[in-house]
PDB file of N, CA and C in Angstrom:
ATOM      1  N   MET A   1      15.780  -5.330   9.101  1.00  0.00           N
ATOM      2  CA  MET A   1      14.292  -5.252   8.893  1.00  0.00           C
ATOM      3  C   MET A   1      13.983  -3.610   9.514  1.00  0.00           C
ATOM      4  N   TYR A   2      12.890  -3.058   8.548  1.00  0.00           N
ATOM      5  CA  TYR A   2      12.385  -1.820   9.288  1.00  0.00           C
ATOM      6  C   TYR A   2      11.806  -1.694  10.144  1.00  0.00           C
ATOM      7  N   GLN A   3      11.534  -0.725  11.266  1.00  0.00           N
ATOM      8  CA  GLN A   3      10.575  -0.908  12.309  1.00  0.00           C
ATOM      9  C   GLN A   3       9.906   0.107  12.312  1.00  0.00           C
ATOM     10  N   LEU A   4       8.225  -0.503  12.370  1.00  0.00           N
ATOM     11  CA  LEU A   4       7.345   0.702  11.763  1.00  0.00           C
ATOM     12  C   LEU A   4       7.046   1.579  12.860  1.00  0.00           C
ATOM     13  N   SER A   5       6.938   2.605  12.609  1.00  0.00           N
ATOM     14  CA  SER A   5       6.330   3.791  13.763  1.00  0.00           C
ATOM     15  C   SER A   5       5.077   3.259  14.423  1.00  0.00           C
ATOM     16  N   PRO A   6       4.741   4.086  15.705  1.00  0.00           N
ATOM     17  CA  PRO A   6       3.460   3.741  16.348  1.00  0.00           C
ATOM     18  C   PRO A   6       2.458   3.614  15.515  1.00  0.00           C
ATOM     19  N   ALA A   7       2.058   4.560  14.217  1.00  0.00           N
ATOM     20  CA  ALA A   7       0.697   4.433  13.364  1.00  0.00           C
ATOM     21  C   ALA A   7       1.038   3.513  12.547  1.00  0.00           C
ATOM     22  N   GLY A   8       2.082   3.276  12.082  1.00  0.00           N
ATOM     23  CA  GLY A   8       2.258   2.181  11.475  1.00  0.00           C
ATOM     24  C   GLY A   8       1.691   0.748  12.024  1.00  0.00           C
ATOM     25  N   ILE A   9       2.507   0.502  13.197  1.00  0.00           N
ATOM     26  CA  ILE A   9       1.976  -0.553  13.762  1.00  0.00           C
ATOM     27  C   ILE A   9       0.515  -0.365  14.028  1.00  0.00           C
ATOM     28  N   ALA A  10      -0.005   0.594  14.374  1.00  0.00           N
ATOM     29  CA  ALA A  10      -1.504   0.629  14.550  1.00  0.00           C
ATOM     30  C   ALA A  10      -2.212  -0.035  13.309  1.00  0.00           C
ATOM     31  N   LEU A  11      -1.759   0.827  12.157  1.00  0.00           N
ATOM     32  CA  LEU A  11      -2.489   0.195  11.009  1.00  0.00           C
ATOM     33  C   LEU A  11      -2.704  -1.243  10.555  1.00  0.00           C
ATOM     34  N   GLN A  12      -0.964  -1.737  10.810  1.00  0.00           N
ATOM     35  CA  GLN A  12      -0.865  -2.828  10.381  1.00  0.00           C
ATOM     36  C   GLN A  12      -1.607  -3.932  11.321  1.00  0.00           C
ATOM     37  N   SER A  13      -1.664  -3.674  12.843  1.00  0.00           N
ATOM     38  CA  SER A  13      -2.644  -4.498  13.732  1.00  0.00           C
ATOM     39  C   SER A  13      -4.060  -4.532  13.222  1.00  0.00           C
ATOM     40  N   ILE A  14      -4.674  -3.358  12.304  1.00  0.00           N
ATOM     41  CA  ILE A  14      -5.952  -3.625  12.084  1.00  0.00           C
ATOM     42  C   ILE A  14      -6.034  -4.125  10.879  1.00  0.00           C
ATOM     43  N   MET A  15      -5.092  -4.267   9.917  1.00  0.00           N
ATOM     44  CA  MET A  15      -5.134  -4.792   8.822  1.00  0.00           C
ATOM     45  C   MET A  15      -4.776  -6.235   8.738  1.00  0.00           C
ATOM     46  N   SER A  16      -4.074  -6.685   9.859  1.00  0.00           N
ATOM     47  CA  SER A  16      -3.688  -8.177   9.941  1.00  0.00           C
ATOM     48  C   SER A  16      -4.900  -9.041  10.083  1.00  0.00           C
ATOM     49  N   PRO A  17      -5.883  -8.540  10.775  1.00  0.00           N
ATOM     50  CA  PRO A  17      -7.043  -9.836  10.775  1.00  0.00           C
ATOM     51  C   PRO A  17      -7.899  -9.628   9.514  1.00  0.00           C
ATOM     52  N   SER A  18      -7.714  -8.667   8.874  1.00  0.00           N
ATOM     53  CA  SER A  18      -8.907  -8.379   7.957  1.00  0.00           C
ATOM     54  C   SER A  18      -8.495  -9.008   6.502  1.00  0.00           C
ATOM     55  N   GLY A  19      -9.256  -9.500   5.735  1.00  0.00           N
ATOM     56  CA  GLY A  19      -9.676 -10.332   4.785  1.00  0.00           C
ATOM     57  C   GLY A  19      -9.444  -9.168   3.380  1.00  0.00           C
ATOM     58  N   GLN A  20      -9.450  -7.629   3.972  1.00  0.00           N
ATOM     59  CA  GLN A  20      -9.256  -6.384   3.115  1.00  0.00           C
ATOM     60  C   GLN A  20      -8.022  -5.558   3.198  1.00  0.00           C
ATOM     61  N   ARG A  21      -6.891  -6.168   3.444  1.00  0.00           N
ATOM     62  CA  ARG A  21      -5.481  -5.386   3.831  1.00  0.00           C
ATOM     63  C   ARG A  21      -5.481  -4.217   2.470  1.00  0.00           C
ATOM     64  N   PRO A  22      -5.677  -4.639   1.545  1.00  0.00           N
ATOM     65  CA  PRO A  22      -5.536  -3.487   0.383  1.00  0.00           C
ATOM     66  C   PRO A  22      -6.425  -2.492   0.451  1.00  0.00           C
ATOM     67  N   ARG A  23      -7.691  -2.929   0.651  1.00  0.00           N
ATOM     68  CA  ARG A  23      -8.669  -1.609   0.655  1.00  0.00           C
ATOM     69  C   ARG A  23      -8.503  -0.561   2.063  1.00  0.00           C
ATOM     70  N   LEU A  24      -7.829  -1.438   2.891  1.00  0.00           N
ATOM     71  CA  LEU A  24      -7.518  -0.340   4.010  1.00  0.00           C
ATOM     72  C   LEU A  24      -6.504   0.255   4.377  1.00  0.00           C
ATOM     73  N   LEU A  25      -5.482  -0.263   3.633  1.00  0.00           N
ATOM     74  CA  LEU A  25      -4.374   0.562   3.027  1.00  0.00           C
ATOM     75  C   LEU A  25      -4.440   1.698   2.443  1.00  0.00           C
ATOM     76  N   ARG A  26      -4.969   1.188   1.176  1.00  0.00           N
ATOM     77  CA  ARG A  26      -5.678   2.567   0.204  1.00  0.00           C
ATOM     78  C   ARG A  26      -6.502   3.240   1.127  1.00  0.00           C
ATOM     79  N   ASP A  27      -7.472   3.049   1.802  1.00  0.00           N
ATOM     80  CA  ASP A  27      -8.289   4.108   2.544  1.00  0.00           C
ATOM     81  C   ASP A  27      -7.173   5.084   3.571  1.00  0.00           C
ATOM     82  N   ALA A  28      -6.228   4.465   3.923  1.00  0.00           N
ATOM     83  CA  ALA A  28      -5.356   4.847   5.282  1.00  0.00           C
ATOM     84  C   ALA A  28      -4.490   6.213   4.126  1.00  0.00           C
ATOM     85  N   VAL A  29      -3.882   5.538   3.056  1.00  0.00           N
ATOM     86  CA  VAL A  29      -3.255   6.610   2.437  1.00  0.00           C
ATOM     87  C   VAL A  29      -4.099   7.366   1.820  1.00  0.00           C
ATOM     88  N   ARG A  30      -5.283   7.435   1.447  1.00  0.00           N
ATOM     89  CA  ARG A  30      -6.204   8.440   1.265  1.00  0.00           C
ATOM     90  C   ARG A  30      -6.283   9.488   2.058  1.00  0.00           C
ATOM     91  N   ALA A  31      -6.349   8.869   3.370  1.00  0.00           N
ATOM     92  CA  ALA A  31      -6.850  10.058   4.595  1.00  0.00           C
ATOM     93  C   ALA A  31      -5.398  10.657   5.235  1.00  0.00           C
ATOM     94  N   ALA A  32      -4.449  10.036   4.350  1.00  0.00           N
ATOM     95  CA  ALA A  32      -3.073  10.606   5.039  1.00  0.00           C
ATOM     96  C   ALA A  32      -2.797  10.199   6.182  1.00  0.00           C
ATOM     97  N   GLN A  33      -2.969   8.812   6.830  1.00  0.00           N
ATOM     98  CA  GLN A  33      -2.675   8.225   7.986  1.00  0.00           C
ATOM     99  C   GLN A  33      -1.386   7.452   7.911  1.00  0.00           C
ATOM    100  N   VAL A  34      -0.845   7.305   6.988  1.00  0.00           N
ATOM    101  CA  VAL A  34       0.188   6.345   7.091  1.00  0.00           C
ATOM    102  C   VAL A  34       1.526   7.054   6.872  1.00  0.00           C
ATOM    103  N   PRO A  35       2.396   6.816   7.831  1.00  0.00           N
ATOM    104  CA  PRO A  35       3.702   7.930   7.748  1.00  0.00           C
ATOM    105  C   PRO A  35       4.525   7.413   6.410  1.00  0.00           C
ATOM    106  N   ASP A  36       5.276   8.409   5.852  1.00  0.00           N
ATOM    107  CA  ASP A  36       5.939   7.766   4.624  1.00  0.00           C
ATOM    108  C   ASP A  36       6.858   7.076   4.611  1.00  0.00           C
ATOM    109  N   ASP A  37       7.707   6.703   5.897  1.00  0.00           N
ATOM    110  CA  ASP A  37       8.362   5.954   5.961  1.00  0.00           C
ATOM    111  C   ASP A  37       7.698   4.723   6.262  1.00  0.00           C
ATOM    112  N   ASP A  38       6.906   4.571   6.666  1.00  0.00           N
ATOM    113  CA  ASP A  38       6.114   3.128   6.884  1.00  0.00           C
ATOM    114  C   ASP A  38       5.364   2.469   5.643  1.00  0.00           C
ATOM    115  N   LEU A  39       5.027   3.376   4.353  1.00  0.00           N
ATOM    116  CA  LEU A  39       4.358   3.029   3.565  1.00  0.00           C
ATOM    117  C   LEU A  39       5.076   1.642   2.570  1.00  0.00           C
ATOM    118  N   PRO A  40       6.337   1.567   2.148  1.00  0.00           N
ATOM    119  CA  PRO A  40       6.904   0.689   1.380  1.00  0.00           C
ATOM    120  C   PRO A  40       6.846  -0.732   2.267  1.00  0.00           C
ATOM    121  N   GLU A  41       6.913  -0.825   3.827  1.00  0.00           N
ATOM    122  CA  GLU A  41       6.790  -2.005   4.368  1.00  0.00           C
ATOM    123  C   GLU A  41       5.195  -2.424   4.457  1.00  0.00           C
ATOM    124  N   LEU A  42       4.453  -1.536   4.337  1.00  0.00           N
ATOM    125  CA  LEU A  42       2.721  -1.832   4.636  1.00  0.00           C
ATOM    126  C   LEU A  42       2.116  -2.043   3.407  1.00  0.00           C
ATOM    127  N   ILE A  43       2.829  -1.709   2.186  1.00  0.00           N
ATOM    128  CA  ILE A  43       2.759  -1.953   0.649  1.00  0.00           C
ATOM    129  C   ILE A  43       3.004  -3.822   0.715  1.00  0.00           C
ATOM    130  N   ALA A  44       4.149  -3.820   1.205  1.00  0.00           N
ATOM    131  CA  ALA A  44       4.407  -5.190   0.965  1.00  0.00           C
ATOM    132  C   ALA A  44       3.952  -5.828   1.623  1.00  0.00           C
ATOM    133  N   PHE A  45       3.245  -5.838   3.132  1.00  0.00           N
ATOM    134  CA  PHE A  45       2.371  -6.683   3.924  1.00  0.00           C
ATOM    135  C   PHE A  45       1.234  -6.880   3.203  1.00  0.00           C
ATOM    136  N   ALA A  46       0.635  -5.661   2.659  1.00  0.00           N
ATOM    137  CA  ALA A  46      -0.685  -5.636   2.133  1.00  0.00           C
ATOM    138  C   ALA A  46      -0.819  -6.679   0.680  1.00  0.00           C
ATOM    139  N   TRP A  47       0.475  -6.507  -0.035  1.00  0.00           N
ATOM    140  CA  TRP A  47       0.565  -7.125  -1.130  1.00  0.00           C
ATOM    141  C   TRP A  47       0.865  -8.765  -1.028  1.00  0.00           C
ATOM    142  N   LEU A  48       1.850  -9.007   0.028  1.00  0.00           N
ATOM    143  CA  LEU A  48       2.140 -10.161   0.187  1.00  0.00           C
ATOM    144  C   LEU A  48       1.487 -11.296   1.108  1.00  0.00           C
ATOM    145  N   CYS A  49       0.666 -10.778   1.793  1.00  0.00           N
ATOM    146  CA  CYS A  49      -0.321 -11.275   2.860  1.00  0.00           C
ATOM    147  C   CYS A  49      -1.536 -11.569   2.519  1.00  0.00           C
ATOM    148  N   ASP A  50      -1.811 -11.150   1.342  1.00  0.00           N
ATOM    149  CA  ASP A  50      -3.189 -11.501   0.685  1.00  0.00           C
ATOM    150  C   ASP A  50      -2.988 -12.290  -0.801  1.00  0.00           C
ATOM    151  N   ASP A  51      -4.322 -13.542  -0.796  1.00  0.00           N
ATOM    152  CA  ASP A  51      -3.777 -14.080  -1.651  1.00  0.00           C
ATOM    153  C   ASP A  51      -4.409 -13.510  -2.993  1.00  0.00           C
ATOM    154  N   SER A  52      -5.056 -12.534  -2.950  1.00  0.00           N
ATOM    155  CA  SER A  52      -5.331 -11.486  -4.207  1.00  0.00           C
ATOM    156  C   SER A  52      -5.417 -10.290  -4.086  1.00  0.00           C
ATOM    157  N   PRO A  53      -4.330  -9.339  -4.064  1.00  0.00           N
ATOM    158  CA  PRO A  53      -4.672  -8.245  -3.304  1.00  0.00           C
ATOM    159  C   PRO A  53      -4.920  -7.489  -4.524  1.00  0.00           C
ATOM    160  N   THR A  54      -5.262  -7.874  -5.654  1.00  0.00           N
ATOM    161  CA  THR A  54      -5.886  -7.154  -7.085  1.00  0.00           C
ATOM    162  C   THR A  54      -7.548  -7.209  -6.924  1.00  0.00           C
ATOM    163  N   ASN A  55      -7.923  -8.449  -5.974  1.00  0.00           N
ATOM    164  CA  ASN A  55      -9.515  -8.597  -6.118  1.00  0.00           C
ATOM    165  C   ASN A  55      -9.988  -7.568  -5.422  1.00  0.00           C
ATOM    166  N   ASP A  56      -9.660  -7.100  -4.632  1.00  0.00           N
ATOM    167  CA  ASP A  56     -10.229  -5.668  -3.646  1.00  0.00           C
ATOM    168  C   ASP A  56     -10.007  -4.419  -3.748  1.00  0.00           C
ATOM    169  N   ILE A  57      -8.950  -3.835  -4.595  1.00  0.00           N
ATOM    170  CA  ILE A  57      -9.048  -2.897  -4.866  1.00  0.00           C
ATOM    171  C   ILE A  57      -8.521  -2.427  -6.376  1.00  0.00           C
ATOM    172  N   THR A  58      -8.616  -1.832  -7.254  1.00  0.00           N
ATOM    173  CA  THR A  58      -8.212  -1.779  -8.897  1.00  0.00           C
ATOM    174  C   THR A  58      -6.822  -1.348  -8.900  1.00  0.00           C
ATOM    175  N   GLU A  59      -6.630  -1.740  -9.965  1.00  0.00           N
ATOM    176  CA  GLU A  59      -5.128  -1.172 -10.630  1.00  0.00           C
ATOM    177  C   GLU A  59      -4.603   0.124  -9.965  1.00  0.00           C
ATOM    178  N   ALA A  60      -5.684   0.810 -10.754  1.00  0.00           N
ATOM    179  CA  ALA A  60      -5.851   2.318 -10.399  1.00  0.00           C
ATOM    180  C   ALA A  60      -5.077   2.807  -9.103  1.00  0.00           C
ATOM    181  N   ASP A  61      -5.968   2.040  -8.042  1.00  0.00           N
ATOM    182  CA  ASP A  61      -6.027   2.026  -6.517  1.00  0.00           C
ATOM    183  C   ASP A  61      -4.384   1.891  -5.977  1.00  0.00           C
ATOM    184  N   TRP A  62      -3.959   0.608  -6.681  1.00  0.00           N
ATOM    185  CA  TRP A  62      -2.466   0.324  -6.466  1.00  0.00           C
ATOM    186  C   TRP A  62      -1.403   1.126  -7.314  1.00  0.00           C
ATOM    187  N   LEU A  63      -1.518   1.943  -8.293  1.00  0.00           N
ATOM    188  CA  LEU A  63      -0.521   2.930  -8.588  1.00  0.00           C
ATOM    189  C   LEU A  63      -0.924   4.020  -7.730  1.00  0.00           C
ATOM    190  N   GLU A  64      -2.095   4.597  -7.457  1.00  0.00           N
ATOM    191  CA  GLU A  64      -1.994   5.453  -6.505  1.00  0.00           C
ATOM    192  C   GLU A  64      -1.263   5.223  -5.028  1.00  0.00           C
ATOM    193  N   ILE A  65      -1.406   4.176  -4.752  1.00  0.00           N
ATOM    194  CA  ILE A  65      -0.712   3.698  -3.376  1.00  0.00           C
ATOM    195  C   ILE A  65       0.889   3.650  -3.755  1.00  0.00           C
ATOM    196  N   PHE A  66       1.241   3.161  -4.656  1.00  0.00           N
ATOM    197  CA  PHE A  66       2.628   3.064  -4.987  1.00  0.00           C
ATOM    198  C   PHE A  66       3.387   4.684  -5.446  1.00  0.00           C
ATOM    199  N   ALA A  67       2.622   5.299  -5.872  1.00  0.00           N
ATOM    200  CA  ALA A  67       2.850   6.671  -5.889  1.00  0.00           C
ATOM    201  C   ALA A  67       3.206   7.437  -4.854  1.00  0.00           C
ATOM    202  N   ALA A  68       2.468   7.004  -3.898  1.00  0.00           N
ATOM    203  CA  ALA A  68       2.203   7.720  -2.511  1.00  0.00           C
ATOM    204  C   ALA A  68       3.412   7.475  -1.677  1.00  0.00           C
ATOM    205  N   SER A  69       3.953   6.093  -2.263  1.00  0.00           N
ATOM    206  CA  SER A  69       5.480   6.091  -1.684  1.00  0.00           C
ATOM    207  C   SER A  69       6.534   6.349  -2.130  1.00  0.00           C
ATOM    208  N   GLY A  70       6.217   7.157  -3.444  1.00  0.00           N
ATOM    209  CA  GLY A  70       7.456   7.587  -4.455  1.00  0.00           C
ATOM    210  C   GLY A  70       7.963   6.884  -5.212  1.00  0.00           C
ATOM    211  N   PHE A  71       7.148   5.604  -5.059  1.00  0.00           N
ATOM    212  CA  PHE A  71       7.705   4.701  -6.066  1.00  0.00           C
ATOM    213  C   PHE A  71       6.844   4.675  -7.366  1.00  0.00           C
ATOM    214  N   PHE A  72       7.348   4.999  -8.604  1.00  0.00           N
ATOM    215  CA  PHE A  72       6.253   5.291  -9.744  1.00  0.00           C
ATOM    216  C   PHE A  72       7.092   4.964 -11.019  1.00  0.00           C
ATOM    217  N   SER A  73       6.760   3.814 -11.630  1.00  0.00           N
ATOM    218  CA  SER A  73       7.552   3.871 -12.759  1.00  0.00           C
ATOM    219  C   SER A  73       6.424   3.555 -13.970  1.00  0.00           C
ATOM    220  N   HIS A  74       6.826   4.422 -15.471  1.00  0.00           N
ATOM    221  CA  HIS A  74       5.821   4.367 -16.482  1.00  0.00           C
ATOM    222  C   HIS A  74       6.892   4.187 -17.489  1.00  0.00           C
ATOM    223  N   PRO A  75       6.610   3.151 -18.560  1.00  0.00           N
ATOM    224  CA  PRO A  75       7.254   2.781 -19.657  1.00  0.00           C
ATOM    225  C   PRO A  75       7.500   3.503 -20.605  1.00  0.00           C
ATOM    226  N   LEU A  76       8.851   3.926 -20.823  1.00  0.00           N
ATOM    227  CA  LEU A  76       8.992   4.797 -22.146  1.00  0.00           C
ATOM    228  C   LEU A  76       8.151   4.760 -23.301  1.00  0.00           C
ATOM    229  N   LEU A  77       7.250   5.372 -23.834  1.00  0.00           N
ATOM    230  CA  LEU A  77       6.637   5.579 -24.937  1.00  0.00           C
ATOM    231  C   LEU A  77       7.694   5.004 -26.273  1.00  0.00           C
ATOM    232  N   PRO A  78       7.480   4.285 -27.145  1.00  0.00           N
ATOM    233  CA  PRO A  78       8.211   4.012 -28.211  1.00  0.00           C
ATOM    234  C   PRO A  78       8.532   5.079 -29.259  1.00  0.00           C
ATOM    235  N   SER A  79       9.721   4.977 -29.521  1.00  0.00           N
ATOM    236  CA  SER A  79       9.759   5.755 -30.495  1.00  0.00           C
ATOM    237  C   SER A  79       9.279   5.926 -31.888  1.00  0.00           C
ATOM    238  N   ALA A  80       8.662   7.284 -32.394  1.00  0.00           N
ATOM    239  CA  ALA A  80       8.244   7.071 -33.626  1.00  0.00           C
ATOM    240  C   ALA A  80       9.578   6.830 -35.028  1.00  0.00           C
TER     241      ALA A  80
END
């Protein structure tokens, strides 16, 4: 299991009691407050510990978060 950095632990402790984990993560990513190595773990925490992770932020917001983590997949366009 990955050990979060002190900054990651601080963010997770803010996210834990919140009903807005995805929004808090998105805002922290935009403010460059999430260490790169912590981002995958915090994405999993926000996504899996929220009953409806897409209700609080948009699909575009999630794509922004995933892209910030270095994980982004785009389907190939069909050939003509």
